[in-house]
Amino acid sequence: MGIANYIKEIGRGSQGARALNREQAADLFGQVLDGAVTDLEIGAFCLAMRIKGETAHEMAGFLDATHRRLHTVPAGAAPTIVIPSYNGARKLPVLTPLLALLLAREGLAVLVHGTATESRRVYTSEVLLALGISAQVAIESIAPGNVAFVPTALLHAGLQRLLDVRRVVGLRNPAHSLVKLMTPVQGKSLLVSSYTHPEYAVSMAQTLALVGGNALLLRGTEGEAVADPRRTPKMEGFIRGQVVDHQDHQAGVLTSLPTLPSEIDAAHTAAYIRSVLDGTEPVPPPIAQQVAHILHLVQAL
């Protein structure tokens, strides 16, 4: 089949490119995921979309194609919390595992999925391993009160290959946004996702509205879907694509800072998380607020 006809539409530059409709985007992305196109076509697709940018309808189509192909986690009796984790830590400790474990302590099943997308960062999978939680080697159901880490390659090998293109061309592609919006779970789920730049807050919200998503969307911490422990970010809750919950960002000058680990490596981060879970250190208020918002949204599912 090939995707040359689609590349011709999206590859005319930032001014001349035309957006695809949802069905066309699903067809294009499905061929990419299935490995039905050449490496040259994949590179052209990635670069063209990087220049043009994805519309909400295109992203919805990409999600349609992905969800039809994903290996999904079996449904449980209660909703599953889905947390994508792809950015890792560069300056601050990656506290996505703390968020996941706090939610599990509330009796929720928590799926964290991800892969390393850059070198020289500390990733959630490393911290979870230091906490005694190994990555799954085969997709299994997640019992309430437990956290599971599923590598992206288990969910779909083609999606992992597309993420790896960044290491070759040095630029993000639609897969890096898509993994933050997909829900690889059978049955009810709530996505906890994040953005780094304000324009993505708009496009991600539009996509969630189109696909009727259940989610908490927030300004992430270095791209991770956990609230900055120093300052409460803006958060929006979606149920079936409609905004039902809202948290404004914390403005003004910070009067106090939480005690965070002096080093951001996996061992120091894991030790800090243990100290929070056992009550030696307090839960950072922004993360406690995030947990409360998630619990509120779960009740509305």
C-alpha atoms as a PDB file:
ATOM      1  CA  MET A   1       0.000   0.000   0.000  1.00  0.00           C
ATOM      2  CA  GLY A   2       2.575   2.580   1.098  1.00  0.00           C
ATOM      3  CA  ILE A   3       2.111   5.980   2.686  1.00  0.00           C
ATOM      4  CA  ALA A   4       3.587   8.184  -0.049  1.00  0.00           C
ATOM      5  CA  ASN A   5       0.187   9.759  -0.743  1.00  0.00           C
ATOM      6  CA  TYR A   6      -0.105  10.807   2.895  1.00  0.00           C
ATOM      7  CA  ILE A   7       3.477  12.105   3.058  1.00  0.00           C
ATOM      8  CA  LYS A   8       2.713  14.226   0.010  1.00  0.00           C
ATOM      9  CA  GLU A   9      -0.076  15.942   1.989  1.00  0.00           C
ATOM     10  CA  ILE A  10       1.697  16.416   5.310  1.00  0.00           C
ATOM     11  CA  GLY A  11       5.176  17.075   3.905  1.00  0.00           C
ATOM     12  CA  ARG A  12       4.617  20.420   2.137  1.00  0.00           C
ATOM     13  CA  GLY A  13       6.210  22.452   4.915  1.00  0.00           C
ATOM     14  CA  SER A  14       4.719  24.370   7.820  1.00  0.00           C
ATOM     15  CA  GLN A  15       2.674  26.645   5.532  1.00  0.00           C
ATOM     16  CA  GLY A  16       1.628  24.306   2.733  1.00  0.00           C
ATOM     17  CA  ALA A  17       1.035  21.033   4.588  1.00  0.00           C
ATOM     18  CA  ARG A  18      -2.508  19.722   4.839  1.00  0.00           C
ATOM     19  CA  ALA A  19      -3.901  17.886   7.831  1.00  0.00           C
ATOM     20  CA  LEU A  20      -5.207  14.331   7.486  1.00  0.00           C
ATOM     21  CA  ASN A  21      -8.637  13.355   8.700  1.00  0.00           C
ATOM     22  CA  ARG A  22      -9.021  10.813  11.487  1.00  0.00           C
ATOM     23  CA  GLU A  23      -9.514   7.824   9.174  1.00  0.00           C
ATOM     24  CA  GLN A  24      -6.519   8.727   6.996  1.00  0.00           C
ATOM     25  CA  ALA A  25      -4.334   9.203  10.075  1.00  0.00           C
ATOM     26  CA  ALA A  26      -5.396   5.801  11.395  1.00  0.00           C
ATOM     27  CA  ASP A  27      -4.551   4.134   8.089  1.00  0.00           C
ATOM     28  CA  LEU A  28      -1.149   5.825   7.886  1.00  0.00           C
ATOM     29  CA  PHE A  29      -0.177   5.051  11.460  1.00  0.00           C
ATOM     30  CA  GLY A  30      -1.419   1.483  11.248  1.00  0.00           C
ATOM     31  CA  GLN A  31       0.877   0.839   8.288  1.00  0.00           C
ATOM     32  CA  VAL A  32       3.796   2.348  10.215  1.00  0.00           C
ATOM     33  CA  LEU A  33       3.092   0.212  13.288  1.00  0.00           C
ATOM     34  CA  ASP A  34       2.700  -2.938  11.185  1.00  0.00           C
ATOM     35  CA  GLY A  35       6.102  -2.453   9.547  1.00  0.00           C
ATOM     36  CA  ALA A  36       4.430  -2.298   6.129  1.00  0.00           C
ATOM     37  CA  VAL A  37       6.487   0.705   4.973  1.00  0.00           C
ATOM     38  CA  THR A  38      10.175   1.346   4.354  1.00  0.00           C
ATOM     39  CA  ASP A  39      12.580   3.016   6.761  1.00  0.00           C
ATOM     40  CA  LEU A  40      12.774   5.918   4.309  1.00  0.00           C
ATOM     41  CA  GLU A  41       8.997   6.389   4.475  1.00  0.00           C
ATOM     42  CA  ILE A  42       9.056   6.224   8.275  1.00  0.00           C
ATOM     43  CA  GLY A  43      11.782   8.879   8.392  1.00  0.00           C
ATOM     44  CA  ALA A  44       9.834  11.092   5.989  1.00  0.00           C
ATOM     45  CA  PHE A  45       6.668  10.680   8.079  1.00  0.00           C
ATOM     46  CA  CYS A  46       8.463  11.545  11.324  1.00  0.00           C
ATOM     47  CA  LEU A  47      10.163  14.642   9.906  1.00  0.00           C
ATOM     48  CA  ALA A  48       7.046  15.867   8.103  1.00  0.00           C
ATOM     49  CA  MET A  49       4.923  15.590  11.244  1.00  0.00           C
ATOM     50  CA  ARG A  50       7.632  17.244  13.318  1.00  0.00           C
ATOM     51  CA  ILE A  51       7.552  20.275  11.017  1.00  0.00           C
ATOM     52  CA  LYS A  52       3.770  20.378  10.578  1.00  0.00           C
ATOM     53  CA  GLY A  53       2.647  19.328  14.051  1.00  0.00           C
ATOM     54  CA  GLU A  54      -0.223  16.946  14.809  1.00  0.00           C
ATOM     55  CA  THR A  55      -3.836  18.060  14.850  1.00  0.00           C
ATOM     56  CA  ALA A  56      -6.225  16.597  17.406  1.00  0.00           C
ATOM     57  CA  HIS A  57      -8.003  14.623  14.655  1.00  0.00           C
ATOM     58  CA  GLU A  58      -4.693  13.185  13.459  1.00  0.00           C
ATOM     59  CA  MET A  59      -3.720  12.206  16.996  1.00  0.00           C
ATOM     60  CA  ALA A  60      -7.125  10.614  17.518  1.00  0.00           C
ATOM     61  CA  GLY A  61      -6.557   8.592  14.344  1.00  0.00           C
ATOM     62  CA  PHE A  62      -3.103   7.550  15.502  1.00  0.00           C
ATOM     63  CA  LEU A  63      -4.666   6.419  18.778  1.00  0.00           C
ATOM     64  CA  ASP A  64      -7.374   4.487  16.939  1.00  0.00           C
ATOM     65  CA  ALA A  65      -4.719   2.545  15.016  1.00  0.00           C
ATOM     66  CA  THR A  66      -2.640   1.964  18.138  1.00  0.00           C
ATOM     67  CA  HIS A  67      -5.486   0.761  20.340  1.00  0.00           C
ATOM     68  CA  ARG A  68      -6.519  -1.764  17.683  1.00  0.00           C
ATOM     69  CA  ARG A  69      -3.037  -3.285  17.836  1.00  0.00           C
ATOM     70  CA  LEU A  70      -1.901  -3.004  21.458  1.00  0.00           C
ATOM     71  CA  HIS A  71      -1.383  -5.995  23.706  1.00  0.00           C
ATOM     72  CA  THR A  72      -3.565  -4.840  26.584  1.00  0.00           C
ATOM     73  CA  VAL A  73      -3.583  -5.521  30.304  1.00  0.00           C
ATOM     74  CA  PRO A  74      -6.573  -7.681  31.320  1.00  0.00           C
ATOM     75  CA  ALA A  75      -9.401  -5.809  33.003  1.00  0.00           C
ATOM     76  CA  GLY A  76      -9.858  -5.955  36.744  1.00  0.00           C
ATOM     77  CA  ALA A  77     -12.981  -5.464  38.808  1.00  0.00           C
ATOM     78  CA  ALA A  78     -11.989  -1.854  39.554  1.00  0.00           C
ATOM     79  CA  PRO A  79     -10.620   0.862  37.230  1.00  0.00           C
ATOM     80  CA  THR A  80      -6.898   0.757  36.443  1.00  0.00           C
ATOM     81  CA  ILE A  81      -4.785   3.898  36.725  1.00  0.00           C
ATOM     82  CA  VAL A  82      -2.518   4.300  33.685  1.00  0.00           C
ATOM     83  CA  ILE A  83       0.647   6.384  34.037  1.00  0.00           C
ATOM     84  CA  PRO A  84       2.942   6.819  31.016  1.00  0.00           C
ATOM     85  CA  SER A  85       6.569   7.423  31.996  1.00  0.00           C
ATOM     86  CA  TYR A  86       8.968   8.278  29.192  1.00  0.00           C
ATOM     87  CA  ASN A  87      10.997  11.331  30.226  1.00  0.00           C
ATOM     88  CA  GLY A  88      12.791  10.403  33.422  1.00  0.00           C
ATOM     89  CA  ALA A  89      14.776  12.697  35.695  1.00  0.00           C
ATOM     90  CA  ARG A  90      17.377  15.232  34.655  1.00  0.00           C
ATOM     91  CA  LYS A  91      17.466  17.765  37.519  1.00  0.00           C
ATOM     92  CA  LEU A  92      14.813  16.615  40.002  1.00  0.00           C
ATOM     93  CA  PRO A  93      14.226  13.107  41.403  1.00  0.00           C
ATOM     94  CA  VAL A  94      11.696  11.163  39.320  1.00  0.00           C
ATOM     95  CA  LEU A  95       8.763  10.762  41.702  1.00  0.00           C
ATOM     96  CA  THR A  96       6.396   8.960  39.342  1.00  0.00           C
ATOM     97  CA  PRO A  97       6.967   5.761  41.408  1.00  0.00           C
ATOM     98  CA  LEU A  98       5.887   7.636  44.551  1.00  0.00           C
ATOM     99  CA  LEU A  99       2.651   8.708  42.866  1.00  0.00           C
ATOM    100  CA  ALA A 100       2.013   5.141  41.689  1.00  0.00           C
ATOM    101  CA  LEU A 101       2.645   3.648  45.125  1.00  0.00           C
ATOM    102  CA  LEU A 102       0.474   6.245  46.882  1.00  0.00           C
ATOM    103  CA  LEU A 103      -2.375   5.340  44.515  1.00  0.00           C
ATOM    104  CA  ALA A 104      -1.793   1.627  45.107  1.00  0.00           C
ATOM    105  CA  ARG A 105      -1.940   2.293  48.845  1.00  0.00           C
ATOM    106  CA  GLU A 106      -5.467   3.598  48.213  1.00  0.00           C
ATOM    107  CA  GLY A 107      -6.382   0.190  46.802  1.00  0.00           C
ATOM    108  CA  LEU A 108      -6.031   1.010  43.109  1.00  0.00           C
ATOM    109  CA  ALA A 109      -4.373  -1.091  40.413  1.00  0.00           C
ATOM    110  CA  VAL A 110      -1.674   1.010  38.755  1.00  0.00           C
ATOM    111  CA  LEU A 111      -0.098   0.397  35.360  1.00  0.00           C
ATOM    112  CA  VAL A 112       3.057   2.349  34.571  1.00  0.00           C
ATOM    113  CA  HIS A 113       4.385   1.907  31.040  1.00  0.00           C
ATOM    114  CA  GLY A 114       7.439   3.369  29.402  1.00  0.00           C
ATOM    115  CA  THR A 115      10.884   3.055  27.919  1.00  0.00           C
ATOM    116  CA  ALA A 116      14.124   5.018  28.014  1.00  0.00           C
ATOM    117  CA  THR A 117      13.993   7.661  25.275  1.00  0.00           C
ATOM    118  CA  GLU A 118      17.191   9.560  26.105  1.00  0.00           C
ATOM    119  CA  SER A 119      20.603   8.788  27.531  1.00  0.00           C
ATOM    120  CA  ARG A 120      21.887  10.069  30.873  1.00  0.00           C
ATOM    121  CA  ARG A 121      18.507  10.252  32.623  1.00  0.00           C
ATOM    122  CA  VAL A 122      17.129   8.332  35.590  1.00  0.00           C
ATOM    123  CA  TYR A 123      13.970   6.443  34.646  1.00  0.00           C
ATOM    124  CA  THR A 124      10.953   5.259  36.577  1.00  0.00           C
ATOM    125  CA  SER A 125      11.772   1.631  35.784  1.00  0.00           C
ATOM    126  CA  GLU A 126      15.145   1.998  37.554  1.00  0.00           C
ATOM    127  CA  VAL A 127      13.572   3.495  40.669  1.00  0.00           C
ATOM    128  CA  LEU A 128      10.835   0.855  40.756  1.00  0.00           C
ATOM    129  CA  LEU A 129      13.482  -1.855  40.474  1.00  0.00           C
ATOM    130  CA  ALA A 130      15.323  -0.306  43.439  1.00  0.00           C
ATOM    131  CA  LEU A 131      11.998  -0.521  45.294  1.00  0.00           C
ATOM    132  CA  GLY A 132      11.667  -4.227  44.465  1.00  0.00           C
ATOM    133  CA  ILE A 133       9.241  -3.885  41.524  1.00  0.00           C
ATOM    134  CA  SER A 134      10.652  -5.495  38.380  1.00  0.00           C
ATOM    135  CA  ALA A 135       9.402  -4.797  34.870  1.00  0.00           C
ATOM    136  CA  GLN A 136       6.930  -7.352  33.570  1.00  0.00           C
ATOM    137  CA  VAL A 137       8.295  -9.829  31.033  1.00  0.00           C
ATOM    138  CA  ALA A 138       4.789 -10.830  29.929  1.00  0.00           C
ATOM    139  CA  ILE A 139       1.592  -8.824  30.243  1.00  0.00           C
ATOM    140  CA  GLU A 140      -0.432  -9.901  33.255  1.00  0.00           C
ATOM    141  CA  SER A 141      -3.427  -8.573  35.159  1.00  0.00           C
ATOM    142  CA  ILE A 142      -2.768  -6.118  37.987  1.00  0.00           C
ATOM    143  CA  ALA A 143      -4.417  -6.742  41.340  1.00  0.00           C
ATOM    144  CA  PRO A 144      -5.865  -3.795  43.286  1.00  0.00           C
ATOM    145  CA  GLY A 145      -3.247  -2.282  45.555  1.00  0.00           C
ATOM    146  CA  ASN A 146      -0.377  -3.168  43.223  1.00  0.00           C
ATOM    147  CA  VAL A 147       1.910  -1.365  40.778  1.00  0.00           C
ATOM    148  CA  ALA A 148       3.139  -2.973  37.560  1.00  0.00           C
ATOM    149  CA  PHE A 149       5.688  -1.593  35.111  1.00  0.00           C
ATOM    150  CA  VAL A 150       5.176  -2.707  31.509  1.00  0.00           C
ATOM    151  CA  PRO A 151       7.880  -1.881  28.933  1.00  0.00           C
ATOM    152  CA  THR A 152       6.526  -0.348  25.740  1.00  0.00           C
ATOM    153  CA  ALA A 153       7.979  -3.184  23.657  1.00  0.00           C
ATOM    154  CA  LEU A 154       5.570  -5.599  25.364  1.00  0.00           C
ATOM    155  CA  LEU A 155       2.610  -3.435  24.427  1.00  0.00           C
ATOM    156  CA  HIS A 156       3.624  -3.199  20.776  1.00  0.00           C
ATOM    157  CA  ALA A 157       7.025  -3.799  19.172  1.00  0.00           C
ATOM    158  CA  GLY A 158       6.266  -1.430  16.281  1.00  0.00           C
ATOM    159  CA  LEU A 159       5.538   1.397  18.689  1.00  0.00           C
ATOM    160  CA  GLN A 160       8.872   0.786  20.405  1.00  0.00           C
ATOM    161  CA  ARG A 161      10.634   0.913  17.031  1.00  0.00           C
ATOM    162  CA  LEU A 162       8.993   4.237  16.256  1.00  0.00           C
ATOM    163  CA  LEU A 163      10.115   5.696  19.585  1.00  0.00           C
ATOM    164  CA  ASP A 164      13.644   4.511  18.825  1.00  0.00           C
ATOM    165  CA  VAL A 165      13.709   6.611  15.639  1.00  0.00           C
ATOM    166  CA  ARG A 166      14.530   9.564  17.882  1.00  0.00           C
ATOM    167  CA  ARG A 167      17.928   8.063  18.614  1.00  0.00           C
ATOM    168  CA  VAL A 168      18.661   8.077  14.869  1.00  0.00           C
ATOM    169  CA  VAL A 169      17.275  11.436  13.724  1.00  0.00           C
ATOM    170  CA  GLY A 170      17.476  13.292  17.043  1.00  0.00           C
ATOM    171  CA  LEU A 171      13.891  14.584  16.955  1.00  0.00           C
ATOM    172  CA  ARG A 172      10.611  13.640  18.573  1.00  0.00           C
ATOM    173  CA  ASN A 173       7.848  12.176  16.433  1.00  0.00           C
ATOM    174  CA  PRO A 174       4.095  11.574  16.979  1.00  0.00           C
ATOM    175  CA  ALA A 175       4.780   8.396  18.950  1.00  0.00           C
ATOM    176  CA  HIS A 176       6.230  10.456  21.795  1.00  0.00           C
ATOM    177  CA  SER A 177       2.920  12.288  22.190  1.00  0.00           C
ATOM    178  CA  LEU A 178       0.801   9.228  21.484  1.00  0.00           C
ATOM    179  CA  VAL A 179       2.256   7.113  24.310  1.00  0.00           C
ATOM    180  CA  LYS A 180       1.153   9.808  26.757  1.00  0.00           C
ATOM    181  CA  LEU A 181      -2.454   9.486  25.584  1.00  0.00           C
ATOM    182  CA  MET A 182      -2.956   5.756  25.006  1.00  0.00           C
ATOM    183  CA  THR A 183      -4.697   3.477  27.505  1.00  0.00           C
ATOM    184  CA  PRO A 184      -3.460  -0.116  27.081  1.00  0.00           C
ATOM    185  CA  VAL A 185      -6.059  -1.603  29.431  1.00  0.00           C
ATOM    186  CA  GLN A 186      -9.197  -3.670  28.914  1.00  0.00           C
ATOM    187  CA  GLY A 187     -12.112  -2.271  30.880  1.00  0.00           C
ATOM    188  CA  LYS A 188     -12.326   0.966  32.818  1.00  0.00           C
ATOM    189  CA  SER A 189      -9.208   3.073  33.247  1.00  0.00           C
ATOM    190  CA  LEU A 190      -8.067   6.564  34.159  1.00  0.00           C
ATOM    191  CA  LEU A 191      -5.076   8.043  32.368  1.00  0.00           C
ATOM    192  CA  VAL A 192      -2.692  10.315  34.284  1.00  0.00           C
ATOM    193  CA  SER A 193      -0.776  12.298  31.695  1.00  0.00           C
ATOM    194  CA  SER A 194       1.303  15.432  31.350  1.00  0.00           C
ATOM    195  CA  TYR A 195       2.621  18.059  28.993  1.00  0.00           C
ATOM    196  CA  THR A 196       5.720  20.244  29.059  1.00  0.00           C
ATOM    197  CA  HIS A 197       4.686  23.172  26.843  1.00  0.00           C
ATOM    198  CA  PRO A 198       1.391  25.120  26.993  1.00  0.00           C
ATOM    199  CA  GLU A 199       0.464  24.363  23.368  1.00  0.00           C
ATOM    200  CA  TYR A 200       0.398  20.649  24.214  1.00  0.00           C
ATOM    201  CA  ALA A 201      -2.111  21.338  27.002  1.00  0.00           C
ATOM    202  CA  VAL A 202      -4.515  22.540  24.318  1.00  0.00           C
ATOM    203  CA  SER A 203      -3.862  19.790  21.768  1.00  0.00           C
ATOM    204  CA  MET A 204      -3.945  16.992  24.345  1.00  0.00           C
ATOM    205  CA  ALA A 205      -7.204  18.303  25.808  1.00  0.00           C
ATOM    206  CA  GLN A 206      -8.718  18.452  22.321  1.00  0.00           C
ATOM    207  CA  THR A 207      -7.632  14.878  21.641  1.00  0.00           C
ATOM    208  CA  LEU A 208      -9.078  13.650  24.937  1.00  0.00           C
ATOM    209  CA  ALA A 209     -12.357  15.329  24.034  1.00  0.00           C
ATOM    210  CA  LEU A 210     -12.411  13.652  20.601  1.00  0.00           C
ATOM    211  CA  VAL A 211     -11.734  10.154  21.928  1.00  0.00           C
ATOM    212  CA  GLY A 212     -13.956  10.564  25.008  1.00  0.00           C
ATOM    213  CA  GLY A 213     -11.042   9.958  27.347  1.00  0.00           C
ATOM    214  CA  ASN A 214     -10.957   9.630  31.131  1.00  0.00           C
ATOM    215  CA  ALA A 215      -7.858  11.417  32.355  1.00  0.00           C
ATOM    216  CA  LEU A 216      -6.071  13.793  34.669  1.00  0.00           C
ATOM    217  CA  LEU A 217      -3.910  16.133  32.592  1.00  0.00           C
ATOM    218  CA  LEU A 218      -1.291  18.325  34.240  1.00  0.00           C
ATOM    219  CA  ARG A 219       1.852  20.329  33.639  1.00  0.00           C
ATOM    220  CA  GLY A 220       4.414  17.636  34.263  1.00  0.00           C
ATOM    221  CA  THR A 221       7.699  17.582  36.127  1.00  0.00           C
ATOM    222  CA  GLU A 222      10.428  17.351  33.481  1.00  0.00           C
ATOM    223  CA  GLY A 223       7.856  15.628  31.298  1.00  0.00           C
ATOM    224  CA  GLU A 224       6.756  13.102  33.927  1.00  0.00           C
ATOM    225  CA  ALA A 225       3.090  12.809  34.922  1.00  0.00           C
ATOM    226  CA  VAL A 226       3.663  13.628  38.576  1.00  0.00           C
ATOM    227  CA  ALA A 227       3.077  16.991  40.209  1.00  0.00           C
ATOM    228  CA  ASP A 228       6.133  19.094  40.922  1.00  0.00           C
ATOM    229  CA  PRO A 229       6.765  18.515  44.662  1.00  0.00           C
ATOM    230  CA  ARG A 230       7.693  22.185  45.090  1.00  0.00           C
ATOM    231  CA  ARG A 231       4.661  23.887  43.498  1.00  0.00           C
ATOM    232  CA  THR A 232       1.163  22.654  42.569  1.00  0.00           C
ATOM    233  CA  PRO A 233       0.743  22.708  38.781  1.00  0.00           C
ATOM    234  CA  LYS A 234      -2.415  23.258  36.784  1.00  0.00           C
ATOM    235  CA  MET A 235      -4.486  20.060  36.551  1.00  0.00           C
ATOM    236  CA  GLU A 236      -7.620  19.221  34.574  1.00  0.00           C
ATOM    237  CA  GLY A 237      -9.779  16.136  34.974  1.00  0.00           C
ATOM    238  CA  PHE A 238     -11.706  14.604  32.068  1.00  0.00           C
ATOM    239  CA  ILE A 239     -14.527  12.075  32.199  1.00  0.00           C
ATOM    240  CA  ARG A 240     -15.703  10.790  28.817  1.00  0.00           C
ATOM    241  CA  GLY A 241     -13.924  13.724  27.207  1.00  0.00           C
ATOM    242  CA  GLN A 242     -15.571  16.424  29.323  1.00  0.00           C
ATOM    243  CA  VAL A 243     -13.711  18.604  31.833  1.00  0.00           C
ATOM    244  CA  VAL A 244     -15.105  17.836  35.295  1.00  0.00           C
ATOM    245  CA  ASP A 245     -12.282  18.819  37.630  1.00  0.00           C
ATOM    246  CA  HIS A 246      -9.873  21.737  37.663  1.00  0.00           C
ATOM    247  CA  GLN A 247      -6.892  22.778  39.777  1.00  0.00           C
ATOM    248  CA  ASP A 248      -5.184  26.134  39.182  1.00  0.00           C
ATOM    249  CA  HIS A 249      -1.430  26.314  39.369  1.00  0.00           C
ATOM    250  CA  GLN A 250       0.150  27.668  42.529  1.00  0.00           C
ATOM    251  CA  ALA A 251       1.199  31.265  41.948  1.00  0.00           C
ATOM    252  CA  GLY A 252       3.386  33.616  43.958  1.00  0.00           C
ATOM    253  CA  VAL A 253       6.648  33.135  45.807  1.00  0.00           C
ATOM    254  CA  LEU A 254       7.314  29.786  47.458  1.00  0.00           C
ATOM    255  CA  THR A 255       7.639  30.147  51.235  1.00  0.00           C
ATOM    256  CA  SER A 256       8.914  26.621  51.881  1.00  0.00           C
ATOM    257  CA  LEU A 257      10.391  23.712  49.960  1.00  0.00           C
ATOM    258  CA  PRO A 258      10.024  19.980  50.596  1.00  0.00           C
ATOM    259  CA  THR A 259      13.023  17.957  51.686  1.00  0.00           C
ATOM    260  CA  LEU A 260      14.097  16.119  48.552  1.00  0.00           C
ATOM    261  CA  PRO A 261      17.020  13.719  48.084  1.00  0.00           C
ATOM    262  CA  SER A 262      20.348  15.395  47.420  1.00  0.00           C
ATOM    263  CA  GLU A 263      21.067  13.014  44.525  1.00  0.00           C
ATOM    264  CA  ILE A 264      18.622  11.966  41.796  1.00  0.00           C
ATOM    265  CA  ASP A 265      19.970   8.458  41.150  1.00  0.00           C
ATOM    266  CA  ALA A 266      17.665   5.471  41.566  1.00  0.00           C
ATOM    267  CA  ALA A 267      18.997   4.437  44.982  1.00  0.00           C
ATOM    268  CA  HIS A 268      18.619   7.867  46.610  1.00  0.00           C
ATOM    269  CA  THR A 269      15.201   8.402  45.016  1.00  0.00           C
ATOM    270  CA  ALA A 270      13.981   4.985  46.171  1.00  0.00           C
ATOM    271  CA  ALA A 271      15.209   5.680  49.718  1.00  0.00           C
ATOM    272  CA  TYR A 272      13.302   8.979  49.752  1.00  0.00           C
ATOM    273  CA  ILE A 273      10.133   7.293  48.483  1.00  0.00           C
ATOM    274  CA  ARG A 274      10.388   4.675  51.235  1.00  0.00           C
ATOM    275  CA  SER A 275      10.716   7.445  53.824  1.00  0.00           C
ATOM    276  CA  VAL A 276       7.541   9.102  52.512  1.00  0.00           C
ATOM    277  CA  LEU A 277       5.606   5.842  52.469  1.00  0.00           C
ATOM    278  CA  ASP A 278       6.609   4.960  56.029  1.00  0.00           C
ATOM    279  CA  GLY A 279       5.766   8.451  57.296  1.00  0.00           C
ATOM    280  CA  THR A 280       9.304   9.583  58.079  1.00  0.00           C
ATOM    281  CA  GLU A 281       8.937  12.317  55.455  1.00  0.00           C
ATOM    282  CA  PRO A 282       5.628  13.991  54.565  1.00  0.00           C
ATOM    283  CA  VAL A 283       3.959  13.518  51.208  1.00  0.00           C
ATOM    284  CA  PRO A 284       4.735  16.694  49.209  1.00  0.00           C
ATOM    285  CA  PRO A 285       1.445  18.671  49.207  1.00  0.00           C
ATOM    286  CA  PRO A 286       1.234  19.005  45.382  1.00  0.00           C
ATOM    287  CA  ILE A 287       1.478  15.212  45.013  1.00  0.00           C
ATOM    288  CA  ALA A 288      -1.071  14.707  47.797  1.00  0.00           C
ATOM    289  CA  GLN A 289      -3.415  17.045  45.890  1.00  0.00           C
ATOM    290  CA  GLN A 290      -2.823  15.090  42.702  1.00  0.00           C
ATOM    291  CA  VAL A 291      -3.734  11.835  44.454  1.00  0.00           C
ATOM    292  CA  ALA A 292      -6.923  13.452  45.766  1.00  0.00           C
ATOM    293  CA  HIS A 293      -7.912  14.596  42.270  1.00  0.00           C
ATOM    294  CA  ILE A 294      -7.325  11.109  40.872  1.00  0.00           C
ATOM    295  CA  LEU A 295      -9.436   9.487  43.599  1.00  0.00           C
ATOM    296  CA  HIS A 296     -12.219  11.974  42.878  1.00  0.00           C
ATOM    297  CA  LEU A 297     -12.131  11.167  39.161  1.00  0.00           C
ATOM    298  CA  VAL A 298     -12.133   7.412  39.801  1.00  0.00           C
ATOM    299  CA  GLN A 299     -15.401   7.818  41.696  1.00  0.00           C
ATOM    300  CA  ALA A 300     -16.927   9.399  38.576  1.00  0.00           C
ATOM    301  CA  LEU A 301     -16.020   6.531  36.219  1.00  0.00           C
END
